[in-house]
Amino acid sequence: MIRFRRIVSPIENIERIARRFSIDELSNLRRLFGGENWRKLKGTASVELFTGEIRLAEIHWYECHGIGKRKIKVKQLLD
């Protein structure tokens, strides 16, 4: 996992990876945040790294209606 400071552009090319019972962390997500209809998504966006560089990256996160995006991770740098 790559550490980053913030996402600096809109997330594009969003795809659903898994939903509801296909998610490994489902019980943990429900315990921490509540909600029922969790989805795991991926997309691409520009992120600012702690070094100050702005790079294009593949991002994964969990999302639930009424709760929003949680556990955002940069999986790999694309440029």
N, C-alpha and C. Protein backbone atom coordinates (compact mmCIF):
# COMPACT_ATOMS: atom_id res chain seq x y z
N MET A 1 0.85 -1.18 0.00
CA MET A 1 0.00 0.00 0.00
C MET A 1 0.89 1.24 0.00
N ILE A 2 0.54 2.21 -0.77
CA ILE A 2 1.29 3.45 -0.90
C ILE A 2 0.59 4.54 -0.09
N ARG A 3 1.35 5.23 0.75
CA ARG A 3 0.77 6.29 1.58
C ARG A 3 0.66 7.58 0.75
N PHE A 4 -0.43 8.29 0.94
CA PHE A 4 -0.65 9.54 0.20
C PHE A 4 -1.29 10.56 1.11
N ARG A 5 -1.15 11.82 0.72
CA ARG A 5 -1.68 12.91 1.53
C ARG A 5 -3.14 13.19 1.20
N ARG A 6 -3.45 13.32 -0.11
CA ARG A 6 -4.83 13.62 -0.49
C ARG A 6 -5.05 13.32 -1.97
N ILE A 7 -6.31 13.20 -2.35
CA ILE A 7 -6.69 13.02 -3.75
C ILE A 7 -6.89 14.42 -4.33
N VAL A 8 -6.25 14.72 -5.47
CA VAL A 8 -6.30 16.08 -6.00
C VAL A 8 -7.14 16.22 -7.27
N SER A 9 -7.68 15.13 -7.80
CA SER A 9 -8.53 15.22 -8.99
C SER A 9 -9.75 14.31 -8.78
N PRO A 10 -10.78 14.51 -9.57
CA PRO A 10 -11.94 13.61 -9.48
C PRO A 10 -11.53 12.18 -9.84
N ILE A 11 -12.19 11.22 -9.20
CA ILE A 11 -11.92 9.81 -9.49
C ILE A 11 -12.63 9.44 -10.79
N GLU A 12 -11.88 8.82 -11.71
CA GLU A 12 -12.43 8.44 -13.02
C GLU A 12 -12.34 6.94 -13.20
N ASN A 13 -12.97 6.42 -14.25
CA ASN A 13 -12.93 5.00 -14.61
C ASN A 13 -13.32 4.11 -13.43
N ILE A 14 -14.41 4.45 -12.77
CA ILE A 14 -14.84 3.72 -11.57
C ILE A 14 -15.46 2.39 -11.98
N GLU A 15 -15.01 1.32 -11.30
CA GLU A 15 -15.54 -0.02 -11.52
C GLU A 15 -15.87 -0.66 -10.17
N ARG A 16 -16.92 -1.46 -10.15
CA ARG A 16 -17.25 -2.20 -8.93
C ARG A 16 -16.44 -3.49 -8.92
N ILE A 17 -15.76 -3.76 -7.81
CA ILE A 17 -14.98 -4.98 -7.66
C ILE A 17 -15.83 -6.06 -6.97
N ALA A 18 -16.54 -5.66 -5.91
CA ALA A 18 -17.34 -6.61 -5.14
C ALA A 18 -18.49 -5.87 -4.48
N ARG A 19 -19.50 -6.62 -4.06
CA ARG A 19 -20.60 -6.00 -3.34
C ARG A 19 -21.14 -6.96 -2.28
N ARG A 20 -21.64 -6.39 -1.23
CA ARG A 20 -22.26 -7.07 -0.10
C ARG A 20 -21.49 -8.28 0.38
N PHE A 21 -21.97 -9.49 0.21
CA PHE A 21 -21.39 -10.67 0.84
C PHE A 21 -20.10 -11.13 0.17
N SER A 22 -19.73 -10.56 -0.97
CA SER A 22 -18.47 -10.88 -1.63
C SER A 22 -17.29 -10.13 -1.00
N ILE A 23 -17.57 -9.18 -0.14
CA ILE A 23 -16.53 -8.36 0.49
C ILE A 23 -15.99 -9.09 1.72
N ASP A 24 -14.67 -9.28 1.77
CA ASP A 24 -14.04 -9.98 2.88
C ASP A 24 -14.21 -9.24 4.20
N GLU A 25 -14.14 -7.94 4.19
CA GLU A 25 -14.18 -7.12 5.41
C GLU A 25 -15.60 -6.67 5.77
N LEU A 26 -16.62 -7.31 5.27
CA LEU A 26 -17.99 -6.83 5.45
C LEU A 26 -18.37 -6.70 6.93
N SER A 27 -18.08 -7.70 7.74
CA SER A 27 -18.46 -7.61 9.16
C SER A 27 -17.71 -6.49 9.86
N ASN A 28 -16.45 -6.28 9.50
CA ASN A 28 -15.66 -5.19 10.08
C ASN A 28 -16.22 -3.83 9.67
N LEU A 29 -16.59 -3.66 8.40
CA LEU A 29 -17.17 -2.40 7.93
C LEU A 29 -18.48 -2.10 8.64
N ARG A 30 -19.33 -3.11 8.79
CA ARG A 30 -20.61 -2.91 9.47
C ARG A 30 -20.42 -2.57 10.93
N ARG A 31 -19.43 -3.19 11.58
CA ARG A 31 -19.16 -2.92 12.99
C ARG A 31 -18.64 -1.50 13.18
N LEU A 32 -17.72 -1.05 12.31
CA LEU A 32 -17.12 0.27 12.44
C LEU A 32 -18.04 1.41 12.01
N PHE A 33 -18.75 1.22 10.88
CA PHE A 33 -19.48 2.33 10.26
C PHE A 33 -20.98 2.13 10.16
N GLY A 34 -21.48 0.90 10.34
CA GLY A 34 -22.89 0.62 10.14
C GLY A 34 -23.19 0.40 8.67
N GLY A 35 -24.42 0.51 8.28
CA GLY A 35 -24.79 0.38 6.88
C GLY A 35 -24.98 -1.06 6.45
N GLU A 36 -25.64 -1.24 5.32
CA GLU A 36 -25.97 -2.58 4.83
C GLU A 36 -25.36 -2.87 3.46
N ASN A 37 -25.56 -1.98 2.51
CA ASN A 37 -25.21 -2.26 1.11
C ASN A 37 -23.81 -1.74 0.75
N TRP A 38 -22.79 -2.40 1.27
CA TRP A 38 -21.41 -1.99 1.00
C TRP A 38 -20.95 -2.49 -0.36
N ARG A 39 -20.13 -1.67 -1.02
CA ARG A 39 -19.52 -2.04 -2.30
C ARG A 39 -18.04 -1.72 -2.23
N LYS A 40 -17.22 -2.55 -2.89
CA LYS A 40 -15.80 -2.25 -3.04
C LYS A 40 -15.61 -1.76 -4.46
N LEU A 41 -14.99 -0.57 -4.61
CA LEU A 41 -14.84 0.07 -5.91
C LEU A 41 -13.38 0.38 -6.19
N LYS A 42 -13.07 0.56 -7.47
CA LYS A 42 -11.73 1.02 -7.85
C LYS A 42 -11.86 2.06 -8.95
N GLY A 43 -10.86 2.92 -9.05
CA GLY A 43 -10.83 3.96 -10.06
C GLY A 43 -9.44 4.57 -10.12
N THR A 44 -9.30 5.57 -10.98
CA THR A 44 -8.01 6.26 -11.11
C THR A 44 -8.19 7.74 -10.78
N ALA A 45 -7.15 8.32 -10.18
CA ALA A 45 -7.16 9.74 -9.83
C ALA A 45 -5.73 10.19 -9.58
N SER A 46 -5.53 11.49 -9.63
CA SER A 46 -4.24 12.06 -9.26
C SER A 46 -4.21 12.22 -7.75
N VAL A 47 -3.10 11.82 -7.14
CA VAL A 47 -2.95 11.92 -5.69
C VAL A 47 -1.66 12.67 -5.37
N GLU A 48 -1.67 13.35 -4.24
CA GLU A 48 -0.47 14.01 -3.76
C GLU A 48 0.20 13.10 -2.73
N LEU A 49 1.44 12.73 -2.97
CA LEU A 49 2.19 11.88 -2.06
C LEU A 49 2.79 12.75 -0.96
N PHE A 50 3.30 12.14 0.10
CA PHE A 50 3.91 12.89 1.19
C PHE A 50 5.20 13.58 0.77
N THR A 51 5.79 13.17 -0.36
CA THR A 51 6.98 13.84 -0.88
C THR A 51 6.64 15.12 -1.63
N GLY A 52 5.35 15.37 -1.87
CA GLY A 52 4.92 16.55 -2.60
C GLY A 52 4.64 16.27 -4.07
N GLU A 53 5.00 15.09 -4.55
CA GLU A 53 4.74 14.72 -5.95
C GLU A 53 3.26 14.50 -6.18
N ILE A 54 2.79 14.83 -7.38
CA ILE A 54 1.43 14.51 -7.78
C ILE A 54 1.53 13.44 -8.86
N ARG A 55 0.91 12.27 -8.59
CA ARG A 55 1.02 11.12 -9.47
C ARG A 55 -0.35 10.54 -9.76
N LEU A 56 -0.49 9.90 -10.92
CA LEU A 56 -1.71 9.18 -11.27
C LEU A 56 -1.67 7.82 -10.59
N ALA A 57 -2.77 7.43 -9.94
CA ALA A 57 -2.77 6.19 -9.15
C ALA A 57 -4.09 5.44 -9.31
N GLU A 58 -4.01 4.13 -9.08
CA GLU A 58 -5.21 3.30 -8.98
C GLU A 58 -5.62 3.30 -7.51
N ILE A 59 -6.89 3.61 -7.27
CA ILE A 59 -7.41 3.76 -5.91
C ILE A 59 -8.50 2.72 -5.67
N HIS A 60 -8.49 2.09 -4.49
CA HIS A 60 -9.56 1.19 -4.07
C HIS A 60 -10.20 1.76 -2.81
N TRP A 61 -11.52 1.58 -2.68
CA TRP A 61 -12.22 2.05 -1.48
C TRP A 61 -13.51 1.29 -1.31
N TYR A 62 -14.10 1.44 -0.12
CA TYR A 62 -15.41 0.87 0.18
C TYR A 62 -16.41 2.02 0.24
N GLU A 63 -17.65 1.75 -0.17
CA GLU A 63 -18.66 2.80 -0.20
C GLU A 63 -20.01 2.20 0.18
N CYS A 64 -20.79 2.97 0.93
CA CYS A 64 -22.12 2.55 1.32
C CYS A 64 -23.07 3.75 1.23
N HIS A 65 -24.27 3.50 0.78
CA HIS A 65 -25.27 4.56 0.66
C HIS A 65 -25.52 5.18 2.03
N GLY A 66 -25.46 6.50 2.10
CA GLY A 66 -25.69 7.22 3.34
C GLY A 66 -24.47 7.35 4.22
N ILE A 67 -23.39 6.63 3.91
CA ILE A 67 -22.18 6.68 4.71
C ILE A 67 -21.02 7.28 3.91
N GLY A 68 -20.92 6.93 2.64
CA GLY A 68 -19.88 7.50 1.79
C GLY A 68 -18.66 6.60 1.66
N LYS A 69 -17.57 7.19 1.17
CA LYS A 69 -16.33 6.45 0.93
C LYS A 69 -15.58 6.24 2.24
N ARG A 70 -15.07 5.03 2.43
CA ARG A 70 -14.28 4.69 3.61
C ARG A 70 -13.11 3.82 3.19
N LYS A 71 -12.04 3.86 3.96
CA LYS A 71 -10.83 3.04 3.77
C LYS A 71 -10.26 3.18 2.36
N ILE A 72 -9.94 4.39 1.97
CA ILE A 72 -9.38 4.66 0.65
C ILE A 72 -7.92 4.25 0.64
N LYS A 73 -7.51 3.47 -0.37
CA LYS A 73 -6.14 2.97 -0.48
C LYS A 73 -5.61 3.22 -1.88
N VAL A 74 -4.36 3.61 -2.00
CA VAL A 74 -3.68 3.68 -3.30
C VAL A 74 -3.02 2.33 -3.51
N LYS A 75 -3.44 1.60 -4.54
CA LYS A 75 -2.90 0.27 -4.80
C LYS A 75 -1.62 0.33 -5.64
N GLN A 76 -1.61 1.19 -6.65
CA GLN A 76 -0.39 1.29 -7.47
C GLN A 76 -0.35 2.64 -8.19
N LEU A 77 0.87 3.08 -8.45
CA LEU A 77 1.06 4.31 -9.22
C LEU A 77 1.08 3.92 -10.70
N LEU A 78 0.39 4.70 -11.53
CA LEU A 78 0.22 4.35 -12.93
C LEU A 78 1.14 5.10 -13.88
N ASP A 79 1.85 6.11 -13.40
CA ASP A 79 2.76 6.83 -14.30
C ASP A 79 4.19 6.77 -13.83
